[in-house]
Amino acid sequence: MTRSRLSRFATVALIPAAALTLNAAAWAQSPPATPPAASTPATPPATPAPAAAAPTTPAPATPETPAPVAPAPPPAAAQAPATPPAPQVQVADPFGEEITLSPKQMVTFVGKANWDSAFDTLMDAFKQITTVLDKQGVKSSGNPMIVYTTTDDTGFTFLAEIPVDQEVKNLPKAMKMGLSPDGKALKFVHRGSYDNMDNTYEAITNHLDDKKLEAKDTFIEEYMVDPLKTAEDKLVINVYVPLK
C-alpha cells in the first residue's frame, strides 16, 4: 500500500500601525518658520542620450538532431541441425499369435531326414527345388517353407516347399505341385540357428499346455530370410502350429 503525504505551510505577516501624537502646546510655542528664500530654479538635468542598442547576438542555432537510425537486424541464426530420428525400438516378436493361414501354390519336395543331419538335408532340398526353377526361368513368389508331416526319436518326414505364381511342369520324381497348409494356427518366431530351435519348440509346448490348446501333428516353418545365403545363426523362422 502507498502512503501519500500532504504538508501545507501558511505564513502571515502582521504589521502594527504607528500612532502619532502631536503636542499642540509645543507646536504653538515654536516660532514660525522663516519662509525660505526664493530659490533659483535648478537647471534641469540634461536628458541623457539613449544608449546605443547593443547588437543582438543571434541565438546559436540548435543543431538538427539526426533521426535515429534503426539498428541493423542481427544476422539470421544458423539453422539448428535437425534432431536425429530416435533409434527404432525392437518390437517383441509374436509368441502364440492367432492367425489364419491361406493356401499358396507350391513346388514341393518330399523328403526324409534324421535329426543329426536335419539342417543339411533341408537345405539340400531347397537347393534342388531352386535348381529346377532356375532352369525353367520360374521365380519364387514368397518365402520357402518346411512342413513336418511325421516325427519320431530318430528323424522325420517333411515337405520342402517354395511358392510360385505358375504351375511348373517336368518336375523330378521327388517333386510335385501342391498347396501349403491353411486354416487357424498359432504363430511363433525363432531367431538364431536351426540347432537352437529345440528351445523354441519347448517354449511352444509349454504355451500350448498353459492355454490348454490342442495342436495338429503338423508343424510349419517359414524362413523369413534366404536360408541358402544367410549365416545359420542369423536365421529368422516363423513357426506355425495348426490347431485342431
C-alpha atoms as a PDB file:
ATOM      1  CA  MET A   1       0.000   0.000   0.000  1.00  0.00           C
ATOM      2  CA  THR A   2       1.303   3.541  -0.861  1.00  0.00           C
ATOM      3  CA  ARG A   3       1.019   6.197   1.813  1.00  0.00           C
ATOM      4  CA  SER A   4       0.605   9.795   0.485  1.00  0.00           C
ATOM      5  CA  ARG A   5       1.798  12.756   2.430  1.00  0.00           C
ATOM      6  CA  LEU A   6       0.420  16.424   2.206  1.00  0.00           C
ATOM      7  CA  SER A   7       2.265  19.374   4.011  1.00  0.00           C
ATOM      8  CA  ARG A   8       0.825  22.801   3.902  1.00  0.00           C
ATOM      9  CA  PHE A   9       2.562  25.952   5.274  1.00  0.00           C
ATOM     10  CA  ALA A  10       0.929  29.457   5.577  1.00  0.00           C
ATOM     11  CA  THR A  11       2.996  32.491   6.666  1.00  0.00           C
ATOM     12  CA  VAL A  12       1.072  35.561   7.852  1.00  0.00           C
ATOM     13  CA  ALA A  13       2.986  38.964   8.457  1.00  0.00           C
ATOM     14  CA  LEU A  14       1.282  41.349  10.843  1.00  0.00           C
ATOM     15  CA  ILE A  15       2.498  44.997  10.680  1.00  0.00           C
ATOM     16  CA  PRO A  16       1.124  47.295  13.586  1.00  0.00           C
ATOM     17  CA  ALA A  17       0.130  50.885  12.634  1.00  0.00           C
ATOM     18  CA  ALA A  18       2.184  53.753  14.384  1.00  0.00           C
ATOM     19  CA  ALA A  19       0.147  56.287  16.354  1.00  0.00           C
ATOM     20  CA  LEU A  20       1.496  59.741  16.031  1.00  0.00           C
ATOM     21  CA  THR A  21       0.505  62.356  18.765  1.00  0.00           C
ATOM     22  CA  LEU A  22       1.311  65.983  18.183  1.00  0.00           C
ATOM     23  CA  ASN A  23       1.779  68.256  21.274  1.00  0.00           C
ATOM     24  CA  ALA A  24      -0.384  71.286  20.451  1.00  0.00           C
ATOM     25  CA  ALA A  25       1.264  73.436  23.021  1.00  0.00           C
ATOM     26  CA  ALA A  26       4.714  72.667  21.821  1.00  0.00           C
ATOM     27  CA  TRP A  27       3.601  73.448  18.360  1.00  0.00           C
ATOM     28  CA  ALA A  28       2.147  76.724  19.422  1.00  0.00           C
ATOM     29  CA  GLN A  29       5.305  77.890  21.272  1.00  0.00           C
ATOM     30  CA  SER A  30       7.509  77.076  18.330  1.00  0.00           C
ATOM     31  CA  PRO A  31       8.418  80.272  16.390  1.00  0.00           C
ATOM     32  CA  PRO A  32       7.043  80.442  12.925  1.00  0.00           C
ATOM     33  CA  ALA A  33       9.349  79.168  10.403  1.00  0.00           C
ATOM     34  CA  THR A  34      11.234  81.723   8.368  1.00  0.00           C
ATOM     35  CA  PRO A  35       9.997  81.490   4.867  1.00  0.00           C
ATOM     36  CA  PRO A  36      12.597  80.121   2.664  1.00  0.00           C
ATOM     37  CA  ALA A  37      14.357  82.344   0.237  1.00  0.00           C
ATOM     38  CA  ALA A  38      13.312  82.111  -3.257  1.00  0.00           C
ATOM     39  CA  SER A  39      15.372  79.556  -4.777  1.00  0.00           C
ATOM     40  CA  THR A  40      16.816  79.715  -8.172  1.00  0.00           C
ATOM     41  CA  PRO A  41      15.288  77.079 -10.225  1.00  0.00           C
ATOM     42  CA  ALA A  42      17.741  74.415 -10.856  1.00  0.00           C
ATOM     43  CA  THR A  43      18.862  73.734 -14.317  1.00  0.00           C
ATOM     44  CA  PRO A  44      17.113  70.641 -15.355  1.00  0.00           C
ATOM     45  CA  PRO A  45      19.499  67.859 -15.883  1.00  0.00           C
ATOM     46  CA  ALA A  46      20.372  67.080 -19.393  1.00  0.00           C
ATOM     47  CA  THR A  47      18.445  64.193 -20.764  1.00  0.00           C
ATOM     48  CA  PRO A  48      20.959  61.503 -21.435  1.00  0.00           C
ATOM     49  CA  ALA A  49      21.153  60.360 -24.966  1.00  0.00           C
ATOM     50  CA  PRO A  50      19.740  56.989 -25.420  1.00  0.00           C
ATOM     51  CA  ALA A  51      22.377  54.430 -25.275  1.00  0.00           C
ATOM     52  CA  ALA A  52      23.102  52.697 -28.490  1.00  0.00           C
ATOM     53  CA  ALA A  53      21.336  49.433 -28.618  1.00  0.00           C
ATOM     54  CA  ALA A  54      23.719  46.659 -28.078  1.00  0.00           C
ATOM     55  CA  PRO A  55      23.991  44.440 -31.068  1.00  0.00           C
ATOM     56  CA  THR A  56      21.764  41.495 -30.694  1.00  0.00           C
ATOM     57  CA  THR A  57      23.740  38.330 -30.564  1.00  0.00           C
ATOM     58  CA  PRO A  58      21.843  35.760 -32.529  1.00  0.00           C
ATOM     59  CA  ALA A  59      20.977  32.700 -30.522  1.00  0.00           C
ATOM     60  CA  PRO A  60      23.115  29.815 -31.548  1.00  0.00           C
ATOM     61  CA  ALA A  61      21.324  27.612 -33.939  1.00  0.00           C
ATOM     62  CA  THR A  62      20.156  24.445 -32.379  1.00  0.00           C
ATOM     63  CA  PRO A  63      21.908  21.638 -34.185  1.00  0.00           C
ATOM     64  CA  GLU A  64      19.480  19.480 -36.012  1.00  0.00           C
ATOM     65  CA  THR A  65      19.252  16.157 -34.301  1.00  0.00           C
ATOM     66  CA  PRO A  66      19.593  13.426 -36.884  1.00  0.00           C
ATOM     67  CA  ALA A  67      16.778  10.918 -36.985  1.00  0.00           C
ATOM     68  CA  PRO A  68      17.667   7.786 -35.098  1.00  0.00           C
ATOM     69  CA  VAL A  69      18.908   5.064 -37.339  1.00  0.00           C
ATOM     70  CA  ALA A  70      17.271   1.697 -36.740  1.00  0.00           C
ATOM     71  CA  PRO A  71      19.888  -0.860 -35.775  1.00  0.00           C
ATOM     72  CA  ALA A  72      20.626  -3.421 -38.419  1.00  0.00           C
ATOM     73  CA  PRO A  73      18.792  -6.666 -37.769  1.00  0.00           C
ATOM     74  CA  PRO A  74      21.016  -9.339 -36.303  1.00  0.00           C
ATOM     75  CA  PRO A  75      22.150 -11.961 -38.754  1.00  0.00           C
ATOM     76  CA  ALA A  76      19.788 -14.831 -39.047  1.00  0.00           C
ATOM     77  CA  ALA A  77      20.625 -17.526 -36.597  1.00  0.00           C
ATOM     78  CA  ALA A  78      22.184 -20.509 -38.146  1.00  0.00           C
ATOM     79  CA  GLN A  79      19.625 -23.190 -38.690  1.00  0.00           C
ATOM     80  CA  ALA A  80      19.822 -25.686 -35.902  1.00  0.00           C
ATOM     81  CA  PRO A  81      20.757 -29.120 -37.081  1.00  0.00           C
ATOM     82  CA  ALA A  82      17.817 -31.429 -37.459  1.00  0.00           C
ATOM     83  CA  THR A  83      17.185 -33.632 -34.487  1.00  0.00           C
ATOM     84  CA  PRO A  84      18.325 -37.105 -35.393  1.00  0.00           C
ATOM     85  CA  PRO A  85      15.468 -39.588 -35.518  1.00  0.00           C
ATOM     86  CA  ALA A  86      15.003 -41.646 -32.434  1.00  0.00           C
ATOM     87  CA  PRO A  87      16.504 -45.081 -32.780  1.00  0.00           C
ATOM     88  CA  GLN A  88      13.990 -47.722 -33.665  1.00  0.00           C
ATOM     89  CA  VAL A  89      12.996 -49.890 -30.796  1.00  0.00           C
ATOM     90  CA  GLN A  90      12.906 -53.595 -31.423  1.00  0.00           C
ATOM     91  CA  VAL A  91       9.306 -54.718 -31.073  1.00  0.00           C
ATOM     92  CA  ALA A  92       8.823 -58.039 -29.353  1.00  0.00           C
ATOM     93  CA  ASP A  93       8.218 -60.912 -31.740  1.00  0.00           C
ATOM     94  CA  PRO A  94       4.772 -62.514 -31.767  1.00  0.00           C
ATOM     95  CA  PHE A  95       4.515 -65.508 -29.476  1.00  0.00           C
ATOM     96  CA  GLY A  96       1.350 -67.539 -29.802  1.00  0.00           C
ATOM     97  CA  GLU A  97      -0.410 -65.021 -32.072  1.00  0.00           C
ATOM     98  CA  GLU A  98      -3.593 -66.455 -33.577  1.00  0.00           C
ATOM     99  CA  ILE A  99      -3.636 -66.230 -37.374  1.00  0.00           C
ATOM    100  CA  THR A 100      -5.324 -67.873 -40.348  1.00  0.00           C
ATOM    101  CA  LEU A 101      -3.075 -69.391 -42.993  1.00  0.00           C
ATOM    102  CA  SER A 102      -4.056 -69.064 -46.632  1.00  0.00           C
ATOM    103  CA  PRO A 103      -3.140 -71.811 -49.117  1.00  0.00           C
ATOM    104  CA  LYS A 104      -0.412 -70.990 -51.622  1.00  0.00           C
ATOM    105  CA  GLN A 105       0.684 -72.799 -54.788  1.00  0.00           C
ATOM    106  CA  MET A 106       3.949 -74.612 -54.108  1.00  0.00           C
ATOM    107  CA  VAL A 107       6.626 -76.667 -55.742  1.00  0.00           C
ATOM    108  CA  THR A 108       7.089 -79.393 -53.144  1.00  0.00           C
ATOM    109  CA  PHE A 109       9.982 -81.733 -52.451  1.00  0.00           C
ATOM    110  CA  VAL A 110       9.063 -84.835 -50.463  1.00  0.00           C
ATOM    111  CA  GLY A 111      11.887 -85.969 -48.215  1.00  0.00           C
ATOM    112  CA  LYS A 112      13.034 -87.752 -45.101  1.00  0.00           C
ATOM    113  CA  ALA A 113      15.837 -86.869 -42.689  1.00  0.00           C
ATOM    114  CA  ASN A 114      17.380 -87.826 -39.371  1.00  0.00           C
ATOM    115  CA  TRP A 115      17.913 -85.310 -36.642  1.00  0.00           C
ATOM    116  CA  ASP A 116      21.691 -85.429 -36.735  1.00  0.00           C
ATOM    117  CA  SER A 117      21.828 -84.028 -40.268  1.00  0.00           C
ATOM    118  CA  ALA A 118      18.438 -82.314 -40.363  1.00  0.00           C
ATOM    119  CA  PHE A 119      19.522 -78.831 -41.388  1.00  0.00           C
ATOM    120  CA  ASP A 120      21.850 -80.023 -44.167  1.00  0.00           C
ATOM    121  CA  THR A 121      19.087 -82.267 -45.560  1.00  0.00           C
ATOM    122  CA  LEU A 122      16.547 -79.443 -45.573  1.00  0.00           C
ATOM    123  CA  MET A 123      18.959 -77.041 -47.273  1.00  0.00           C
ATOM    124  CA  ASP A 124      19.741 -79.659 -49.907  1.00  0.00           C
ATOM    125  CA  ALA A 125      16.011 -79.978 -50.628  1.00  0.00           C
ATOM    126  CA  PHE A 126      15.733 -76.206 -51.131  1.00  0.00           C
ATOM    127  CA  LYS A 127      18.735 -76.282 -53.445  1.00  0.00           C
ATOM    128  CA  GLN A 128      17.150 -78.978 -55.611  1.00  0.00           C
ATOM    129  CA  ILE A 129      13.909 -77.027 -55.962  1.00  0.00           C
ATOM    130  CA  THR A 130      15.792 -73.787 -56.731  1.00  0.00           C
ATOM    131  CA  THR A 131      17.840 -75.538 -59.435  1.00  0.00           C
ATOM    132  CA  VAL A 132      14.674 -76.767 -61.164  1.00  0.00           C
ATOM    133  CA  LEU A 133      13.050 -73.329 -61.024  1.00  0.00           C
ATOM    134  CA  ASP A 134      16.155 -71.596 -62.355  1.00  0.00           C
ATOM    135  CA  LYS A 135      16.350 -73.982 -65.322  1.00  0.00           C
ATOM    136  CA  GLN A 136      12.755 -73.200 -66.251  1.00  0.00           C
ATOM    137  CA  GLY A 137      13.063 -69.469 -65.610  1.00  0.00           C
ATOM    138  CA  VAL A 138      10.487 -69.516 -62.799  1.00  0.00           C
ATOM    139  CA  LYS A 139      10.909 -67.133 -59.888  1.00  0.00           C
ATOM    140  CA  SER A 140       9.840 -67.733 -56.340  1.00  0.00           C
ATOM    141  CA  SER A 141       6.806 -65.711 -55.192  1.00  0.00           C
ATOM    142  CA  GLY A 142       7.443 -65.942 -51.449  1.00  0.00           C
ATOM    143  CA  ASN A 143       9.386 -67.474 -48.596  1.00  0.00           C
ATOM    144  CA  PRO A 144      10.453 -71.146 -48.563  1.00  0.00           C
ATOM    145  CA  MET A 145       8.740 -73.403 -46.041  1.00  0.00           C
ATOM    146  CA  ILE A 146       9.233 -76.765 -44.337  1.00  0.00           C
ATOM    147  CA  VAL A 147       6.206 -78.816 -43.334  1.00  0.00           C
ATOM    148  CA  TYR A 148       6.914 -81.628 -40.848  1.00  0.00           C
ATOM    149  CA  THR A 149       4.496 -84.447 -41.623  1.00  0.00           C
ATOM    150  CA  THR A 150       5.728 -87.094 -39.154  1.00  0.00           C
ATOM    151  CA  THR A 151       8.405 -87.177 -36.456  1.00  0.00           C
ATOM    152  CA  ASP A 152       9.980 -89.745 -34.159  1.00  0.00           C
ATOM    153  CA  ASP A 153      13.079 -90.008 -31.983  1.00  0.00           C
ATOM    154  CA  THR A 154      15.424 -90.658 -34.882  1.00  0.00           C
ATOM    155  CA  GLY A 155      14.109 -88.438 -37.651  1.00  0.00           C
ATOM    156  CA  PHE A 156      11.177 -87.044 -39.556  1.00  0.00           C
ATOM    157  CA  THR A 157       9.455 -86.830 -42.915  1.00  0.00           C
ATOM    158  CA  PHE A 158       8.924 -83.416 -44.433  1.00  0.00           C
ATOM    159  CA  LEU A 159       7.812 -81.299 -47.370  1.00  0.00           C
ATOM    160  CA  ALA A 160      10.225 -78.609 -48.560  1.00  0.00           C
ATOM    161  CA  GLU A 161       8.117 -76.017 -50.397  1.00  0.00           C
ATOM    162  CA  ILE A 162       8.801 -72.903 -52.454  1.00  0.00           C
ATOM    163  CA  PRO A 163       5.815 -70.746 -53.556  1.00  0.00           C
ATOM    164  CA  VAL A 164       5.359 -69.922 -57.255  1.00  0.00           C
ATOM    165  CA  ASP A 165       2.796 -67.998 -59.286  1.00  0.00           C
ATOM    166  CA  GLN A 166       2.565 -70.554 -62.075  1.00  0.00           C
ATOM    167  CA  GLU A 167       2.411 -74.280 -62.488  1.00  0.00           C
ATOM    168  CA  VAL A 168       5.799 -75.855 -63.038  1.00  0.00           C
ATOM    169  CA  LYS A 169       5.970 -78.927 -65.253  1.00  0.00           C
ATOM    170  CA  ASN A 170       8.529 -81.626 -65.886  1.00  0.00           C
ATOM    171  CA  LEU A 171       9.339 -81.973 -62.210  1.00  0.00           C
ATOM    172  CA  PRO A 172      11.701 -84.678 -60.946  1.00  0.00           C
ATOM    173  CA  LYS A 173      10.248 -87.731 -59.231  1.00  0.00           C
ATOM    174  CA  ALA A 174      10.737 -86.353 -55.693  1.00  0.00           C
ATOM    175  CA  MET A 175       8.862 -83.123 -56.541  1.00  0.00           C
ATOM    176  CA  LYS A 176       5.261 -82.204 -57.204  1.00  0.00           C
ATOM    177  CA  MET A 177       2.903 -79.252 -57.333  1.00  0.00           C
ATOM    178  CA  GLY A 178       0.790 -78.709 -54.274  1.00  0.00           C
ATOM    179  CA  LEU A 179      -0.767 -76.270 -51.802  1.00  0.00           C
ATOM    180  CA  SER A 180       0.622 -75.082 -48.497  1.00  0.00           C
ATOM    181  CA  PRO A 181      -1.368 -75.802 -45.294  1.00  0.00           C
ATOM    182  CA  ASP A 182      -4.232 -73.474 -44.444  1.00  0.00           C
ATOM    183  CA  GLY A 183      -6.556 -72.791 -41.538  1.00  0.00           C
ATOM    184  CA  LYS A 184      -6.217 -71.498 -37.980  1.00  0.00           C
ATOM    185  CA  ALA A 185      -2.797 -71.630 -36.399  1.00  0.00           C
ATOM    186  CA  LEU A 186      -0.606 -70.046 -33.753  1.00  0.00           C
ATOM    187  CA  LYS A 187       2.411 -68.042 -34.838  1.00  0.00           C
ATOM    188  CA  PHE A 188       5.775 -68.075 -33.047  1.00  0.00           C
ATOM    189  CA  VAL A 189       9.124 -66.570 -34.092  1.00  0.00           C
ATOM    190  CA  HIS A 190      12.578 -68.124 -33.787  1.00  0.00           C
ATOM    191  CA  ARG A 191      15.799 -66.165 -34.248  1.00  0.00           C
ATOM    192  CA  GLY A 192      19.125 -67.917 -34.470  1.00  0.00           C
ATOM    193  CA  SER A 193      20.486 -71.235 -35.647  1.00  0.00           C
ATOM    194  CA  TYR A 194      18.421 -74.279 -36.549  1.00  0.00           C
ATOM    195  CA  ASP A 195      20.137 -76.290 -33.816  1.00  0.00           C
ATOM    196  CA  ASN A 196      18.773 -73.901 -31.169  1.00  0.00           C
ATOM    197  CA  MET A 197      15.180 -74.441 -32.249  1.00  0.00           C
ATOM    198  CA  ASP A 198      14.781 -77.076 -29.529  1.00  0.00           C
ATOM    199  CA  ASN A 199      14.434 -74.226 -27.045  1.00  0.00           C
ATOM    200  CA  THR A 200      11.761 -72.574 -29.172  1.00  0.00           C
ATOM    201  CA  TYR A 201       9.755 -75.773 -29.522  1.00  0.00           C
ATOM    202  CA  GLU A 202       9.981 -76.384 -25.780  1.00  0.00           C
ATOM    203  CA  ALA A 203       8.530 -72.909 -25.186  1.00  0.00           C
ATOM    204  CA  ILE A 204       5.804 -73.624 -27.734  1.00  0.00           C
ATOM    205  CA  THR A 205       4.872 -76.868 -25.957  1.00  0.00           C
ATOM    206  CA  ASN A 206       4.664 -75.063 -22.613  1.00  0.00           C
ATOM    207  CA  HIS A 207       2.475 -72.352 -24.166  1.00  0.00           C
ATOM    208  CA  LEU A 208       0.061 -74.928 -25.557  1.00  0.00           C
ATOM    209  CA  ASP A 209      -0.138 -76.670 -22.188  1.00  0.00           C
ATOM    210  CA  ASP A 210      -0.764 -73.403 -20.332  1.00  0.00           C
ATOM    211  CA  LYS A 211      -3.528 -72.394 -22.739  1.00  0.00           C
ATOM    212  CA  LYS A 212      -4.920 -75.960 -22.870  1.00  0.00           C
ATOM    213  CA  LEU A 213      -4.764 -75.904 -26.664  1.00  0.00           C
ATOM    214  CA  GLU A 214      -4.604 -78.992 -28.856  1.00  0.00           C
ATOM    215  CA  ALA A 215      -2.409 -78.855 -31.932  1.00  0.00           C
ATOM    216  CA  LYS A 216      -2.365 -80.984 -35.031  1.00  0.00           C
ATOM    217  CA  ASP A 217       0.582 -83.261 -35.684  1.00  0.00           C
ATOM    218  CA  THR A 218       1.856 -80.874 -38.364  1.00  0.00           C
ATOM    219  CA  PHE A 219       4.396 -78.117 -37.735  1.00  0.00           C
ATOM    220  CA  ILE A 220       5.323 -75.478 -40.315  1.00  0.00           C
ATOM    221  CA  GLU A 221       8.476 -73.411 -40.553  1.00  0.00           C
ATOM    222  CA  GLU A 222       8.626 -70.357 -42.828  1.00  0.00           C
ATOM    223  CA  TYR A 223      12.123 -68.994 -43.497  1.00  0.00           C
ATOM    224  CA  MET A 224      11.881 -65.194 -43.499  1.00  0.00           C
ATOM    225  CA  VAL A 225      15.421 -64.823 -44.873  1.00  0.00           C
ATOM    226  CA  ASP A 226      17.032 -66.833 -47.646  1.00  0.00           C
ATOM    227  CA  PRO A 227      18.435 -69.865 -45.774  1.00  0.00           C
ATOM    228  CA  LEU A 228      20.866 -70.598 -48.619  1.00  0.00           C
ATOM    229  CA  LYS A 229      22.532 -67.161 -48.355  1.00  0.00           C
ATOM    230  CA  THR A 230      22.171 -66.317 -44.654  1.00  0.00           C
ATOM    231  CA  ALA A 231      24.522 -67.363 -41.871  1.00  0.00           C
ATOM    232  CA  GLU A 232      22.837 -70.057 -39.811  1.00  0.00           C
ATOM    233  CA  ASP A 233      22.981 -68.036 -36.588  1.00  0.00           C
ATOM    234  CA  LYS A 234      21.165 -65.154 -38.366  1.00  0.00           C
ATOM    235  CA  LEU A 235      18.116 -67.120 -39.384  1.00  0.00           C
ATOM    236  CA  VAL A 236      14.618 -65.778 -38.734  1.00  0.00           C
ATOM    237  CA  ILE A 237      11.980 -68.505 -38.839  1.00  0.00           C
ATOM    238  CA  ASN A 238       8.239 -68.206 -38.294  1.00  0.00           C
ATOM    239  CA  VAL A 239       6.844 -71.337 -36.716  1.00  0.00           C
ATOM    240  CA  TYR A 240       3.147 -72.090 -37.322  1.00  0.00           C
ATOM    241  CA  VAL A 241       1.258 -74.591 -35.199  1.00  0.00           C
ATOM    242  CA  PRO A 242      -2.089 -75.569 -36.770  1.00  0.00           C
ATOM    243  CA  LEU A 243      -4.849 -76.081 -34.199  1.00  0.00           C
ATOM    244  CA  LYS A 244      -7.423 -78.858 -34.164  1.00  0.00           C
END
